[in-house]
Amino acid sequence: ARSGVCWIPGRYGLYDGDGSIGLCRLYCSSVPVDIVDHASGAGTVIAMSNNDATPSASPILGIGLMLLATLFMSVNNAILKWMTAGYPAGEILFIRGVFIFLPIAYFVWRAGGVKSLRMVSLSGHAVRGLLVVASALCYVNGLRYVPLADATAISFTGPLFVALLAIFFLGESVGWRRWSAIIIGFLGVVII
């Protein structure tokens, strides 16, 4: 069981409601979540389980989409590297953001419109947004000074930092198996 706040009105369907005690099931990405106080569209998550989650109908499709995403990211990084020769990083990221806005607007529309963008923690989103901007600026500026292959290899060290920071910021425990996999992956990056 996991506790936390679940609040995204208009995006998820409520099922098995029981108004007498204010308990219902909320399906977030096919994972049932028990919540209370659903009358306001918000509730406290009292249990989350993957036991009832439906397995992927097509793992081949998922693998294909991941490979396609990797291809797109590689092309994106190559274009970014090429553009850093003539444009400042801020301008590159601004123009990229303009072009990203249209697909995002479509997905927001499909999710139920602007009302689906309600957030629980404005400060959390603001901090995350600032970190994403800082990360993108550092990455694009870094591409100006290092070869693309080196930048890609360095970016593969991300899981090492995520696991380390998850201990301090999220209080998660990272077992020896995960550390072993992370270290083996990091050694692969060093070899590259």
N, C-alpha and C. Protein backbone atom coordinates (compact mmCIF):
# COMPACT_ATOMS: atom_id res chain seq x y z
N ALA A 1 0.84 -1.19 0.00
CA ALA A 1 0.00 0.00 0.00
C ALA A 1 0.87 1.24 0.00
N ARG A 2 0.34 2.29 -0.59
CA ARG A 2 1.09 3.53 -0.71
C ARG A 2 0.13 4.68 -0.43
N SER A 3 0.59 5.67 0.28
CA SER A 3 -0.29 6.80 0.55
C SER A 3 0.23 8.02 -0.18
N GLY A 4 -0.66 8.93 -0.49
CA GLY A 4 -0.30 10.15 -1.19
C GLY A 4 -1.56 10.83 -1.67
N VAL A 5 -1.44 11.78 -2.55
CA VAL A 5 -2.60 12.51 -3.04
C VAL A 5 -2.79 12.19 -4.51
N CYS A 6 -4.01 11.92 -4.90
CA CYS A 6 -4.35 11.63 -6.30
C CYS A 6 -5.45 12.60 -6.70
N TRP A 7 -5.18 13.49 -7.64
CA TRP A 7 -6.16 14.50 -8.00
C TRP A 7 -5.94 14.93 -9.44
N ILE A 8 -6.62 14.32 -10.38
CA ILE A 8 -6.59 14.76 -11.76
C ILE A 8 -8.00 14.61 -12.31
N PRO A 9 -8.86 15.59 -12.04
CA PRO A 9 -10.25 15.49 -12.49
C PRO A 9 -10.36 15.48 -14.00
N GLY A 10 -11.35 14.77 -14.50
CA GLY A 10 -11.62 14.75 -15.92
C GLY A 10 -10.73 13.81 -16.70
N ARG A 11 -9.75 13.21 -16.06
CA ARG A 11 -8.83 12.35 -16.78
C ARG A 11 -9.05 10.88 -16.48
N TYR A 12 -9.51 10.57 -15.30
CA TYR A 12 -9.69 9.18 -14.90
C TYR A 12 -11.16 8.92 -14.62
N GLY A 13 -11.57 7.69 -14.80
CA GLY A 13 -12.95 7.33 -14.51
C GLY A 13 -13.07 6.78 -13.11
N LEU A 14 -14.15 7.15 -12.41
CA LEU A 14 -14.40 6.62 -11.08
C LEU A 14 -15.33 5.43 -11.20
N TYR A 15 -14.99 4.34 -10.50
CA TYR A 15 -15.78 3.12 -10.56
C TYR A 15 -16.03 2.60 -9.15
N ASP A 16 -17.06 1.78 -8.98
CA ASP A 16 -17.38 1.13 -7.72
C ASP A 16 -17.54 2.14 -6.59
N GLY A 17 -18.21 3.23 -6.84
CA GLY A 17 -18.37 4.25 -5.81
C GLY A 17 -19.30 3.79 -4.70
N ASP A 18 -19.01 4.20 -3.50
CA ASP A 18 -19.85 3.89 -2.35
C ASP A 18 -20.00 5.18 -1.57
N GLY A 19 -21.06 5.95 -1.87
CA GLY A 19 -21.24 7.26 -1.27
C GLY A 19 -21.42 7.25 0.23
N SER A 20 -21.86 6.10 0.80
CA SER A 20 -22.10 6.09 2.23
C SER A 20 -20.83 6.27 3.04
N ILE A 21 -19.71 5.74 2.56
CA ILE A 21 -18.47 5.92 3.29
C ILE A 21 -17.46 6.73 2.50
N GLY A 22 -17.84 7.19 1.32
CA GLY A 22 -16.96 8.03 0.52
C GLY A 22 -15.75 7.28 0.00
N LEU A 23 -15.91 6.03 -0.36
CA LEU A 23 -14.80 5.23 -0.86
C LEU A 23 -15.10 4.81 -2.29
N CYS A 24 -14.15 4.94 -3.17
CA CYS A 24 -14.35 4.51 -4.55
C CYS A 24 -13.02 4.06 -5.13
N ARG A 25 -13.07 3.53 -6.32
CA ARG A 25 -11.85 3.10 -6.99
C ARG A 25 -11.55 4.05 -8.14
N LEU A 26 -10.31 4.44 -8.26
CA LEU A 26 -9.86 5.33 -9.32
C LEU A 26 -8.81 4.57 -10.11
N TYR A 27 -8.99 4.46 -11.41
CA TYR A 27 -8.05 3.72 -12.23
C TYR A 27 -7.07 4.68 -12.89
N CYS A 28 -5.84 4.67 -12.40
CA CYS A 28 -4.78 5.50 -12.95
C CYS A 28 -3.88 4.61 -13.79
N SER A 29 -3.92 4.76 -15.09
CA SER A 29 -3.11 3.95 -16.00
C SER A 29 -3.34 2.46 -15.75
N SER A 30 -4.57 2.05 -15.64
CA SER A 30 -4.97 0.66 -15.44
C SER A 30 -4.58 0.10 -14.08
N VAL A 31 -4.15 0.95 -13.15
CA VAL A 31 -3.83 0.50 -11.81
C VAL A 31 -4.92 1.01 -10.88
N PRO A 32 -5.67 0.10 -10.22
CA PRO A 32 -6.73 0.57 -9.34
C PRO A 32 -6.16 1.23 -8.10
N VAL A 33 -6.76 2.33 -7.70
CA VAL A 33 -6.32 3.07 -6.53
C VAL A 33 -7.55 3.35 -5.68
N ASP A 34 -7.52 2.98 -4.40
CA ASP A 34 -8.61 3.29 -3.51
C ASP A 34 -8.44 4.71 -3.00
N ILE A 35 -9.49 5.51 -3.10
CA ILE A 35 -9.41 6.89 -2.62
C ILE A 35 -10.60 7.20 -1.74
N VAL A 36 -10.46 8.20 -0.92
CA VAL A 36 -11.58 8.67 -0.10
C VAL A 36 -11.89 10.11 -0.49
N ASP A 37 -13.07 10.58 -0.11
CA ASP A 37 -13.50 11.96 -0.36
C ASP A 37 -13.47 12.29 -1.85
N HIS A 38 -14.19 11.48 -2.64
CA HIS A 38 -14.19 11.70 -4.08
C HIS A 38 -15.21 12.74 -4.50
N ALA A 39 -16.01 13.26 -3.60
CA ALA A 39 -17.05 14.22 -3.98
C ALA A 39 -16.45 15.49 -4.57
N SER A 40 -15.28 15.90 -4.08
CA SER A 40 -14.67 17.13 -4.58
C SER A 40 -13.78 16.89 -5.79
N GLY A 41 -13.65 15.64 -6.21
CA GLY A 41 -12.76 15.33 -7.32
C GLY A 41 -11.34 15.09 -6.85
N ALA A 42 -11.12 15.17 -5.57
CA ALA A 42 -9.79 14.92 -5.01
C ALA A 42 -9.94 13.90 -3.91
N GLY A 43 -8.88 13.23 -3.59
CA GLY A 43 -8.95 12.25 -2.53
C GLY A 43 -7.58 11.84 -2.08
N THR A 44 -7.52 11.21 -0.95
CA THR A 44 -6.26 10.70 -0.43
C THR A 44 -6.13 9.24 -0.83
N VAL A 45 -5.03 8.91 -1.45
CA VAL A 45 -4.82 7.52 -1.87
C VAL A 45 -4.56 6.69 -0.62
N ILE A 46 -5.35 5.62 -0.42
CA ILE A 46 -5.11 4.77 0.73
C ILE A 46 -4.52 3.43 0.34
N ALA A 47 -4.56 3.07 -0.92
CA ALA A 47 -3.92 1.83 -1.35
C ALA A 47 -3.69 1.87 -2.84
N MET A 48 -2.54 1.38 -3.26
CA MET A 48 -2.24 1.30 -4.68
C MET A 48 -1.60 -0.05 -4.92
N SER A 49 -2.08 -0.76 -5.91
CA SER A 49 -1.56 -2.10 -6.16
C SER A 49 -1.42 -2.34 -7.65
N ASN A 50 -0.37 -3.02 -8.04
CA ASN A 50 -0.19 -3.41 -9.43
C ASN A 50 -0.78 -4.79 -9.70
N ASN A 51 -1.35 -5.43 -8.67
CA ASN A 51 -1.86 -6.79 -8.84
C ASN A 51 -2.97 -6.86 -9.87
N ASP A 52 -3.81 -5.83 -9.92
CA ASP A 52 -4.95 -5.84 -10.83
C ASP A 52 -4.65 -5.20 -12.18
N ALA A 53 -3.43 -4.72 -12.35
CA ALA A 53 -3.10 -4.03 -13.59
C ALA A 53 -3.11 -5.02 -14.75
N THR A 54 -3.66 -4.58 -15.87
CA THR A 54 -3.70 -5.46 -17.02
C THR A 54 -2.34 -5.47 -17.70
N PRO A 55 -1.86 -6.66 -18.11
CA PRO A 55 -0.57 -6.72 -18.78
C PRO A 55 -0.66 -6.08 -20.16
N SER A 56 0.48 -5.69 -20.67
CA SER A 56 0.52 -5.06 -21.98
C SER A 56 -0.01 -6.01 -23.03
N ALA A 57 -0.88 -5.50 -23.89
CA ALA A 57 -1.46 -6.33 -24.93
C ALA A 57 -0.44 -6.64 -26.02
N SER A 58 0.56 -5.78 -26.18
CA SER A 58 1.52 -5.97 -27.25
C SER A 58 2.91 -5.50 -26.82
N PRO A 59 3.70 -6.41 -26.20
CA PRO A 59 5.05 -5.99 -25.81
C PRO A 59 5.91 -5.64 -27.03
N ILE A 60 5.64 -6.26 -28.17
CA ILE A 60 6.40 -5.95 -29.39
C ILE A 60 6.15 -4.50 -29.79
N LEU A 61 4.91 -4.05 -29.67
CA LEU A 61 4.58 -2.66 -29.98
C LEU A 61 5.33 -1.73 -29.02
N GLY A 62 5.34 -2.07 -27.74
CA GLY A 62 6.04 -1.26 -26.75
C GLY A 62 7.53 -1.16 -27.05
N ILE A 63 8.14 -2.28 -27.40
CA ILE A 63 9.57 -2.29 -27.73
C ILE A 63 9.81 -1.46 -28.98
N GLY A 64 8.95 -1.61 -29.97
CA GLY A 64 9.09 -0.83 -31.20
C GLY A 64 8.99 0.67 -30.95
N LEU A 65 8.02 1.05 -30.10
CA LEU A 65 7.87 2.47 -29.77
C LEU A 65 9.08 3.00 -29.00
N MET A 66 9.64 2.20 -28.11
CA MET A 66 10.84 2.63 -27.37
C MET A 66 12.02 2.80 -28.33
N LEU A 67 12.17 1.88 -29.28
CA LEU A 67 13.25 2.01 -30.26
C LEU A 67 13.05 3.25 -31.13
N LEU A 68 11.80 3.51 -31.51
CA LEU A 68 11.50 4.70 -32.30
C LEU A 68 11.79 5.97 -31.50
N ALA A 69 11.45 5.96 -30.22
CA ALA A 69 11.75 7.11 -29.36
C ALA A 69 13.25 7.34 -29.26
N THR A 70 14.02 6.27 -29.16
CA THR A 70 15.48 6.38 -29.11
C THR A 70 16.02 6.97 -30.41
N LEU A 71 15.47 6.55 -31.53
CA LEU A 71 15.87 7.10 -32.82
C LEU A 71 15.56 8.60 -32.88
N PHE A 72 14.35 8.98 -32.47
CA PHE A 72 13.97 10.39 -32.50
C PHE A 72 14.86 11.23 -31.59
N MET A 73 15.18 10.70 -30.40
CA MET A 73 16.06 11.43 -29.48
C MET A 73 17.45 11.59 -30.08
N SER A 74 17.94 10.57 -30.77
CA SER A 74 19.25 10.66 -31.40
C SER A 74 19.26 11.72 -32.50
N VAL A 75 18.22 11.73 -33.32
CA VAL A 75 18.11 12.75 -34.37
C VAL A 75 17.98 14.13 -33.74
N ASN A 76 17.18 14.24 -32.68
CA ASN A 76 17.03 15.51 -31.97
C ASN A 76 18.37 16.01 -31.46
N ASN A 77 19.15 15.13 -30.85
CA ASN A 77 20.46 15.52 -30.31
C ASN A 77 21.42 15.93 -31.42
N ALA A 78 21.37 15.23 -32.55
CA ALA A 78 22.23 15.59 -33.67
C ALA A 78 21.87 16.97 -34.22
N ILE A 79 20.57 17.26 -34.31
CA ILE A 79 20.14 18.58 -34.79
C ILE A 79 20.54 19.66 -33.79
N LEU A 80 20.38 19.36 -32.49
CA LEU A 80 20.81 20.32 -31.46
C LEU A 80 22.29 20.61 -31.58
N LYS A 81 23.10 19.57 -31.78
CA LYS A 81 24.55 19.75 -31.91
C LYS A 81 24.86 20.64 -33.11
N TRP A 82 24.19 20.40 -34.22
CA TRP A 82 24.39 21.17 -35.44
C TRP A 82 24.00 22.63 -35.22
N MET A 83 22.89 22.87 -34.51
CA MET A 83 22.39 24.22 -34.32
C MET A 83 23.23 25.04 -33.35
N THR A 84 23.94 24.38 -32.43
CA THR A 84 24.74 25.13 -31.45
C THR A 84 25.88 25.91 -32.10
N ALA A 85 26.23 25.56 -33.33
CA ALA A 85 27.31 26.29 -34.02
C ALA A 85 26.89 27.71 -34.38
N GLY A 86 25.59 27.95 -34.56
CA GLY A 86 25.18 29.27 -35.02
C GLY A 86 24.15 29.98 -34.17
N TYR A 87 23.60 29.32 -33.15
CA TYR A 87 22.54 29.92 -32.35
C TYR A 87 22.81 29.72 -30.86
N PRO A 88 22.40 30.67 -30.03
CA PRO A 88 22.55 30.47 -28.58
C PRO A 88 21.56 29.42 -28.07
N ALA A 89 21.92 28.78 -26.97
CA ALA A 89 21.10 27.69 -26.42
C ALA A 89 19.69 28.16 -26.08
N GLY A 90 19.54 29.35 -25.51
CA GLY A 90 18.21 29.84 -25.15
C GLY A 90 17.30 29.97 -26.35
N GLU A 91 17.83 30.46 -27.45
CA GLU A 91 17.03 30.61 -28.66
C GLU A 91 16.63 29.25 -29.23
N ILE A 92 17.56 28.31 -29.21
CA ILE A 92 17.26 26.96 -29.71
C ILE A 92 16.13 26.35 -28.89
N LEU A 93 16.22 26.44 -27.56
CA LEU A 93 15.20 25.84 -26.70
C LEU A 93 13.87 26.57 -26.82
N PHE A 94 13.88 27.88 -27.01
CA PHE A 94 12.63 28.62 -27.18
C PHE A 94 11.90 28.16 -28.44
N ILE A 95 12.61 28.09 -29.55
CA ILE A 95 11.98 27.67 -30.81
C ILE A 95 11.50 26.22 -30.72
N ARG A 96 12.29 25.37 -30.07
CA ARG A 96 11.86 23.98 -29.87
C ARG A 96 10.58 23.95 -29.05
N GLY A 97 10.49 24.81 -28.01
CA GLY A 97 9.30 24.88 -27.18
C GLY A 97 8.07 25.33 -27.96
N VAL A 98 8.26 26.25 -28.89
CA VAL A 98 7.14 26.71 -29.72
C VAL A 98 6.58 25.54 -30.54
N PHE A 99 7.47 24.74 -31.12
CA PHE A 99 7.01 23.60 -31.92
C PHE A 99 6.44 22.47 -31.06
N ILE A 100 6.90 22.36 -29.82
CA ILE A 100 6.38 21.33 -28.92
C ILE A 100 4.97 21.70 -28.44
N PHE A 101 4.66 22.99 -28.41
CA PHE A 101 3.38 23.43 -27.87
C PHE A 101 2.19 22.82 -28.62
N LEU A 102 2.25 22.69 -29.94
CA LEU A 102 1.11 22.16 -30.70
C LEU A 102 0.76 20.73 -30.32
N PRO A 103 1.72 19.79 -30.29
CA PRO A 103 1.34 18.44 -29.86
C PRO A 103 0.85 18.40 -28.41
N ILE A 104 1.45 19.22 -27.54
CA ILE A 104 1.00 19.25 -26.15
C ILE A 104 -0.44 19.75 -26.08
N ALA A 105 -0.76 20.79 -26.85
CA ALA A 105 -2.13 21.31 -26.87
C ALA A 105 -3.11 20.23 -27.33
N TYR A 106 -2.72 19.42 -28.29
CA TYR A 106 -3.58 18.32 -28.74
C TYR A 106 -3.81 17.31 -27.62
N PHE A 107 -2.74 16.92 -26.92
CA PHE A 107 -2.88 15.94 -25.84
C PHE A 107 -3.71 16.49 -24.68
N VAL A 108 -3.57 17.77 -24.39
CA VAL A 108 -4.38 18.40 -23.35
C VAL A 108 -5.84 18.37 -23.77
N TRP A 109 -6.12 18.68 -25.02
CA TRP A 109 -7.49 18.64 -25.53
C TRP A 109 -8.06 17.23 -25.41
N ARG A 110 -7.26 16.21 -25.77
CA ARG A 110 -7.73 14.81 -25.69
C ARG A 110 -7.97 14.37 -24.25
N ALA A 111 -7.24 14.97 -23.29
CA ALA A 111 -7.37 14.58 -21.88
C ALA A 111 -8.53 15.29 -21.19
N GLY A 112 -9.23 16.17 -21.90
CA GLY A 112 -10.38 16.83 -21.30
C GLY A 112 -10.26 18.34 -21.23
N GLY A 113 -9.26 18.89 -21.90
CA GLY A 113 -9.12 20.34 -21.93
C GLY A 113 -8.29 20.88 -20.78
N VAL A 114 -8.37 22.19 -20.63
CA VAL A 114 -7.56 22.88 -19.64
C VAL A 114 -7.86 22.40 -18.22
N LYS A 115 -9.11 21.98 -17.96
CA LYS A 115 -9.45 21.52 -16.61
C LYS A 115 -8.64 20.29 -16.20
N SER A 116 -8.12 19.54 -17.17
CA SER A 116 -7.30 18.37 -16.83
C SER A 116 -5.90 18.75 -16.36
N LEU A 117 -5.55 20.03 -16.45
CA LEU A 117 -4.23 20.49 -16.05
C LEU A 117 -4.16 20.94 -14.59
N ARG A 118 -5.21 20.72 -13.82
CA ARG A 118 -5.18 21.11 -12.41
C ARG A 118 -4.06 20.36 -11.71
N MET A 119 -3.36 21.05 -10.85
CA MET A 119 -2.23 20.42 -10.17
C MET A 119 -2.38 20.53 -8.67
N VAL A 120 -1.77 19.58 -7.98
CA VAL A 120 -1.83 19.54 -6.53
C VAL A 120 -0.78 20.45 -5.93
N SER A 121 0.41 20.44 -6.50
CA SER A 121 1.53 21.19 -5.92
C SER A 121 2.12 22.13 -6.96
N LEU A 122 1.69 23.38 -6.92
CA LEU A 122 2.22 24.38 -7.85
C LEU A 122 3.71 24.57 -7.63
N SER A 123 4.14 24.59 -6.38
CA SER A 123 5.56 24.78 -6.10
C SER A 123 6.39 23.61 -6.62
N GLY A 124 5.87 22.39 -6.49
CA GLY A 124 6.58 21.22 -7.02
C GLY A 124 6.73 21.30 -8.52
N HIS A 125 5.68 21.70 -9.21
CA HIS A 125 5.76 21.84 -10.67
C HIS A 125 6.71 22.96 -11.07
N ALA A 126 6.70 24.05 -10.30
CA ALA A 126 7.59 25.17 -10.61
C ALA A 126 9.05 24.77 -10.45
N VAL A 127 9.36 24.07 -9.37
CA VAL A 127 10.74 23.62 -9.17
C VAL A 127 11.15 22.64 -10.26
N ARG A 128 10.27 21.70 -10.58
CA ARG A 128 10.58 20.74 -11.64
C ARG A 128 10.78 21.45 -12.97
N GLY A 129 9.94 22.42 -13.28
CA GLY A 129 10.07 23.17 -14.52
C GLY A 129 11.40 23.91 -14.60
N LEU A 130 11.78 24.54 -13.50
CA LEU A 130 13.07 25.25 -13.48
C LEU A 130 14.24 24.27 -13.66
N LEU A 131 14.14 23.11 -13.04
CA LEU A 131 15.21 22.11 -13.18
C LEU A 131 15.28 21.58 -14.62
N VAL A 132 14.12 21.40 -15.26
CA VAL A 132 14.12 20.95 -16.66
C VAL A 132 14.76 22.00 -17.56
N VAL A 133 14.43 23.28 -17.34
CA VAL A 133 15.02 24.35 -18.15
C VAL A 133 16.53 24.41 -17.92
N ALA A 134 16.95 24.34 -16.66
CA ALA A 134 18.39 24.39 -16.35
C ALA A 134 19.11 23.19 -16.98
N SER A 135 18.50 22.01 -16.89
CA SER A 135 19.09 20.81 -17.47
C SER A 135 19.23 20.94 -18.99
N ALA A 136 18.18 21.41 -19.64
CA ALA A 136 18.21 21.56 -21.10
C ALA A 136 19.25 22.59 -21.52
N LEU A 137 19.33 23.72 -20.81
CA LEU A 137 20.33 24.73 -21.14
C LEU A 137 21.75 24.19 -20.98
N CYS A 138 21.98 23.46 -19.90
CA CYS A 138 23.32 22.87 -19.68
C CYS A 138 23.63 21.85 -20.77
N TYR A 139 22.65 21.01 -21.13
CA TYR A 139 22.89 19.98 -22.14
C TYR A 139 23.20 20.60 -23.50
N VAL A 140 22.38 21.55 -23.92
CA VAL A 140 22.59 22.17 -25.23
C VAL A 140 23.90 22.95 -25.26
N ASN A 141 24.20 23.67 -24.19
CA ASN A 141 25.50 24.36 -24.14
C ASN A 141 26.65 23.37 -24.13
N GLY A 142 26.49 22.25 -23.44
CA GLY A 142 27.53 21.23 -23.41
C GLY A 142 27.79 20.62 -24.78
N LEU A 143 26.74 20.50 -25.59
CA LEU A 143 26.91 19.94 -26.94
C LEU A 143 27.85 20.78 -27.79
N ARG A 144 27.94 22.06 -27.48
CA ARG A 144 28.82 22.96 -28.22
C ARG A 144 30.29 22.58 -28.02
N TYR A 145 30.60 21.98 -26.86
CA TYR A 145 32.00 21.77 -26.48
C TYR A 145 32.46 20.31 -26.52
N VAL A 146 31.54 19.36 -26.55
CA VAL A 146 31.95 17.94 -26.57
C VAL A 146 31.33 17.24 -27.77
N PRO A 147 31.98 16.18 -28.24
CA PRO A 147 31.39 15.41 -29.34
C PRO A 147 30.04 14.79 -28.92
N LEU A 148 29.18 14.58 -29.89
CA LEU A 148 27.84 14.05 -29.63
C LEU A 148 27.90 12.68 -28.96
N ALA A 149 28.83 11.82 -29.38
CA ALA A 149 28.94 10.49 -28.79
C ALA A 149 29.30 10.59 -27.30
N ASP A 150 30.19 11.51 -26.95
CA ASP A 150 30.57 11.69 -25.55
C ASP A 150 29.39 12.22 -24.74
N ALA A 151 28.66 13.17 -25.29
CA ALA A 151 27.50 13.74 -24.59
C ALA A 151 26.45 12.65 -24.34
N THR A 152 26.24 11.79 -25.31
CA THR A 152 25.28 10.70 -25.15
C THR A 152 25.75 9.73 -24.09
N ALA A 153 27.03 9.38 -24.11
CA ALA A 153 27.56 8.47 -23.10
C ALA A 153 27.45 9.07 -21.70
N ILE A 154 27.73 10.36 -21.57
CA ILE A 154 27.62 11.02 -20.27
C ILE A 154 26.17 11.01 -19.80
N SER A 155 25.23 11.19 -20.72
CA SER A 155 23.82 11.20 -20.32
C SER A 155 23.37 9.84 -19.81
N PHE A 156 24.08 8.78 -20.17
CA PHE A 156 23.74 7.44 -19.67
C PHE A 156 24.10 7.25 -18.20
N THR A 157 24.78 8.22 -17.61
CA THR A 157 25.07 8.14 -16.18
C THR A 157 23.87 8.58 -15.35
N GLY A 158 22.80 9.02 -16.01
CA GLY A 158 21.60 9.48 -15.31
C GLY A 158 21.06 8.53 -14.26
N PRO A 159 20.92 7.22 -14.55
CA PRO A 159 20.40 6.30 -13.54
C PRO A 159 21.22 6.26 -12.26
N LEU A 160 22.52 6.47 -12.37
CA LEU A 160 23.37 6.50 -11.18
C LEU A 160 22.95 7.66 -10.27
N PHE A 161 22.74 8.83 -10.85
CA PHE A 161 22.35 9.99 -10.05
C PHE A 161 20.91 9.87 -9.55
N VAL A 162 20.03 9.31 -10.37
CA VAL A 162 18.63 9.15 -9.96
C VAL A 162 18.56 8.23 -8.75
N ALA A 163 19.26 7.11 -8.79
CA ALA A 163 19.24 6.17 -7.67
C ALA A 163 19.82 6.81 -6.41
N LEU A 164 20.91 7.53 -6.56
CA LEU A 164 21.54 8.17 -5.41
C LEU A 164 20.65 9.26 -4.81
N LEU A 165 20.06 10.10 -5.65
CA LEU A 165 19.21 11.17 -5.16
C LEU A 165 17.88 10.66 -4.61
N ALA A 166 17.40 9.51 -5.12
CA ALA A 166 16.15 8.94 -4.61
C ALA A 166 16.29 8.55 -3.14
N ILE A 167 17.49 8.18 -2.73
CA ILE A 167 17.73 7.84 -1.33
C ILE A 167 17.55 9.07 -0.46
N PHE A 168 18.13 10.18 -0.87
CA PHE A 168 18.12 11.39 -0.05
C PHE A 168 16.82 12.17 -0.13
N PHE A 169 16.24 12.31 -1.32
CA PHE A 169 15.06 13.15 -1.48
C PHE A 169 13.75 12.40 -1.31
N LEU A 170 13.71 11.13 -1.67
CA LEU A 170 12.47 10.37 -1.61
C LEU A 170 12.46 9.33 -0.50
N GLY A 171 13.60 9.12 0.13
CA GLY A 171 13.68 8.13 1.20
C GLY A 171 13.54 6.70 0.71
N GLU A 172 13.82 6.46 -0.56
CA GLU A 172 13.71 5.11 -1.11
C GLU A 172 14.95 4.30 -0.76
N SER A 173 14.74 2.99 -0.67
CA SER A 173 15.89 2.12 -0.44
C SER A 173 16.27 1.49 -1.78
N VAL A 174 17.54 1.53 -2.08
CA VAL A 174 18.05 0.96 -3.32
C VAL A 174 18.87 -0.27 -2.93
N GLY A 175 18.36 -1.43 -3.30
CA GLY A 175 19.00 -2.69 -2.90
C GLY A 175 20.28 -2.97 -3.68
N TRP A 176 20.95 -4.02 -3.26
CA TRP A 176 22.23 -4.36 -3.88
C TRP A 176 22.07 -4.78 -5.33
N ARG A 177 20.92 -5.36 -5.68
CA ARG A 177 20.72 -5.77 -7.08
C ARG A 177 20.66 -4.55 -8.00
N ARG A 178 19.92 -3.53 -7.56
CA ARG A 178 19.83 -2.31 -8.37
C ARG A 178 21.18 -1.62 -8.45
N TRP A 179 21.89 -1.53 -7.31
CA TRP A 179 23.21 -0.91 -7.33
C TRP A 179 24.15 -1.68 -8.25
N SER A 180 24.05 -3.01 -8.23
CA SER A 180 24.90 -3.82 -9.12
C SER A 180 24.61 -3.51 -10.58
N ALA A 181 23.32 -3.45 -10.93
CA ALA A 181 22.94 -3.14 -12.31
C ALA A 181 23.40 -1.74 -12.70
N ILE A 182 23.26 -0.79 -11.78
CA ILE A 182 23.67 0.59 -12.07
C ILE A 182 25.18 0.66 -12.26
N ILE A 183 25.93 -0.01 -11.41
CA ILE A 183 27.40 0.02 -11.52
C ILE A 183 27.86 -0.66 -12.79
N ILE A 184 27.24 -1.78 -13.16
CA ILE A 184 27.60 -2.45 -14.41
C ILE A 184 27.30 -1.54 -15.60
N GLY A 185 26.15 -0.88 -15.56
CA GLY A 185 25.82 0.08 -16.63
C GLY A 185 26.79 1.23 -16.68
N PHE A 186 27.20 1.73 -15.49
CA PHE A 186 28.16 2.82 -15.46
C PHE A 186 29.51 2.38 -16.01
N LEU A 187 29.92 1.16 -15.72
CA LEU A 187 31.17 0.64 -16.28
C LEU A 187 31.08 0.57 -17.81
N GLY A 188 29.92 0.24 -18.31
CA GLY A 188 29.72 0.26 -19.76
C GLY A 188 29.88 1.65 -20.33
N VAL A 189 29.38 2.66 -19.61
CA VAL A 189 29.55 4.05 -20.05
C VAL A 189 31.01 4.42 -20.05
N VAL A 190 31.76 4.01 -19.01
CA VAL A 190 33.18 4.32 -18.92
C VAL A 190 33.94 3.69 -20.10
N ILE A 191 33.56 2.46 -20.46
CA ILE A 191 34.22 1.79 -21.59
C ILE A 191 33.98 2.54 -22.89
N ILE A 192 32.75 3.07 -23.06
CA ILE A 192 32.44 3.84 -24.27
C ILE A 192 33.35 5.05 -24.34
